[in-house]
Amino acid sequence: MGSQSITKTLRQASHQNWVQVSDRLLDNLAKTVGHIATFPESGNLHYSAVIETAELRMFPVTKFPYYLVFYIVGPDEVVLVRLLHGMRDLSTELQASDPSE
């Protein structure tokens, strides 16, 4: 097997792996959003001080704990604000997406 063939095989395997991971992430994101819809008060209020006009809640994506769903519980609805990776500057990212502005 030549080096070009090995490189092509590795690229295909890498692409297939990323597709599988992204599919799992989307499936688990859907489960997490379903949980939030059923139990909207279950999210952590730790970041609510970042957006002072709302009770911003955070809940990690099932099986992908570095991905965080930020949302606000309204009287008749749950508003998803952002999906962020936990390694980002969360305060800056959340202030940039303040729904009260």
Protein backbone atom coordinates (compact mmCIF):
# COMPACT_ATOMS: atom_id res chain seq x y z
CA MET A 1 0.00 0.00 0.00
CA GLY A 2 1.51 3.35 -1.03
CA SER A 3 1.67 6.45 1.15
CA GLN A 4 -1.10 8.13 -0.88
CA SER A 5 -3.38 5.16 -0.30
CA ILE A 6 -2.63 5.18 3.45
CA THR A 7 -3.29 8.93 3.62
CA LYS A 8 -6.60 8.50 1.76
CA THR A 9 -7.63 5.66 4.10
CA LEU A 10 -6.77 7.74 7.18
CA ARG A 11 -8.73 10.74 5.85
CA GLN A 12 -11.79 8.58 5.20
CA ALA A 13 -11.60 7.01 8.67
CA SER A 14 -11.18 10.43 10.28
CA HIS A 15 -14.16 11.82 8.35
CA GLN A 16 -16.34 8.84 9.32
CA ASN A 17 -15.35 9.26 12.98
CA TRP A 18 -16.24 12.97 12.96
CA VAL A 19 -19.60 12.21 11.35
CA GLN A 20 -20.34 9.64 14.07
CA VAL A 21 -19.29 12.02 16.84
CA SER A 22 -21.35 14.88 15.42
CA ASP A 23 -24.38 12.58 15.09
CA ARG A 24 -23.99 11.52 18.74
CA LEU A 25 -23.62 15.16 19.79
CA LEU A 26 -26.82 16.14 17.97
CA ASP A 27 -28.72 13.16 19.43
CA ASN A 28 -27.58 14.03 22.95
CA LEU A 29 -28.32 17.72 22.41
CA ALA A 30 -31.89 16.76 21.47
CA LYS A 31 -32.14 14.66 24.67
CA THR A 32 -30.80 17.55 26.73
CA VAL A 33 -33.26 20.03 25.21
CA GLY A 34 -36.04 17.53 25.91
CA HIS A 35 -34.92 17.32 29.53
CA ILE A 36 -34.85 21.12 29.77
CA ALA A 37 -38.35 21.33 28.30
CA THR A 38 -39.63 18.82 30.86
CA PHE A 39 -37.66 20.14 33.84
CA PRO A 40 -36.85 23.78 33.02
CA GLU A 41 -35.87 24.67 36.59
CA SER A 42 -33.14 22.00 36.66
CA GLY A 43 -30.47 24.20 35.11
CA ASN A 44 -27.76 25.89 37.15
CA LEU A 45 -28.20 29.64 37.79
CA HIS A 46 -24.45 30.26 38.20
CA TYR A 47 -24.22 32.45 35.06
CA SER A 48 -27.42 34.45 35.69
CA ALA A 49 -25.37 37.42 36.95
CA VAL A 50 -23.78 37.76 33.49
CA ILE A 51 -27.13 38.80 31.98
CA GLU A 52 -28.58 40.86 34.80
CA THR A 53 -32.11 41.15 33.39
CA ALA A 54 -32.89 37.44 33.24
CA GLU A 55 -32.48 34.25 35.17
CA LEU A 56 -30.04 32.60 32.81
CA ARG A 57 -29.74 28.87 33.39
CA MET A 58 -27.11 26.44 32.18
CA PHE A 59 -27.32 22.71 31.61
CA PRO A 60 -24.55 20.48 30.16
CA VAL A 61 -25.27 18.34 27.11
CA THR A 62 -25.73 14.68 28.06
CA LYS A 63 -22.48 12.72 27.50
CA PHE A 64 -20.80 15.91 26.19
CA PRO A 65 -20.34 17.84 29.46
CA TYR A 66 -18.08 20.49 27.91
CA TYR A 67 -20.97 21.65 25.72
CA LEU A 68 -23.32 23.87 27.69
CA VAL A 69 -26.88 24.92 26.84
CA PHE A 70 -27.80 28.36 28.17
CA TYR A 71 -31.48 29.21 28.43
CA ILE A 72 -34.05 31.40 30.13
CA VAL A 73 -37.31 30.11 31.60
CA GLY A 74 -40.19 32.41 30.71
CA PRO A 75 -43.78 32.28 31.92
CA ASP A 76 -44.95 30.32 28.86
CA GLU A 77 -41.76 29.19 27.16
CA VAL A 78 -38.12 28.22 27.49
CA VAL A 79 -35.80 30.35 25.36
CA LEU A 80 -32.54 28.74 24.30
CA VAL A 81 -29.91 31.48 24.34
CA ARG A 82 -26.66 29.78 23.35
CA LEU A 83 -24.85 26.49 23.00
CA LEU A 84 -21.22 27.01 23.99
CA HIS A 85 -18.14 24.94 24.61
CA GLY A 86 -17.09 25.28 28.24
CA MET A 87 -13.52 26.21 27.31
CA ARG A 88 -14.72 29.49 25.74
CA ASP A 89 -14.76 32.80 27.59
CA LEU A 90 -18.33 32.24 28.73
CA SER A 91 -18.90 35.67 30.27
CA THR A 92 -17.86 37.45 27.07
CA GLU A 93 -19.87 35.11 24.86
CA LEU A 94 -22.99 35.43 27.00
CA GLN A 95 -22.80 39.22 27.19
CA ALA A 96 -22.58 39.31 23.39
CA SER A 97 -25.82 37.33 23.13
CA ASP A 98 -27.82 39.14 25.85
CA PRO A 99 -31.47 38.67 24.75
CA SER A 100 -32.57 41.70 26.76
CA GLU A 101 -30.82 44.06 24.35
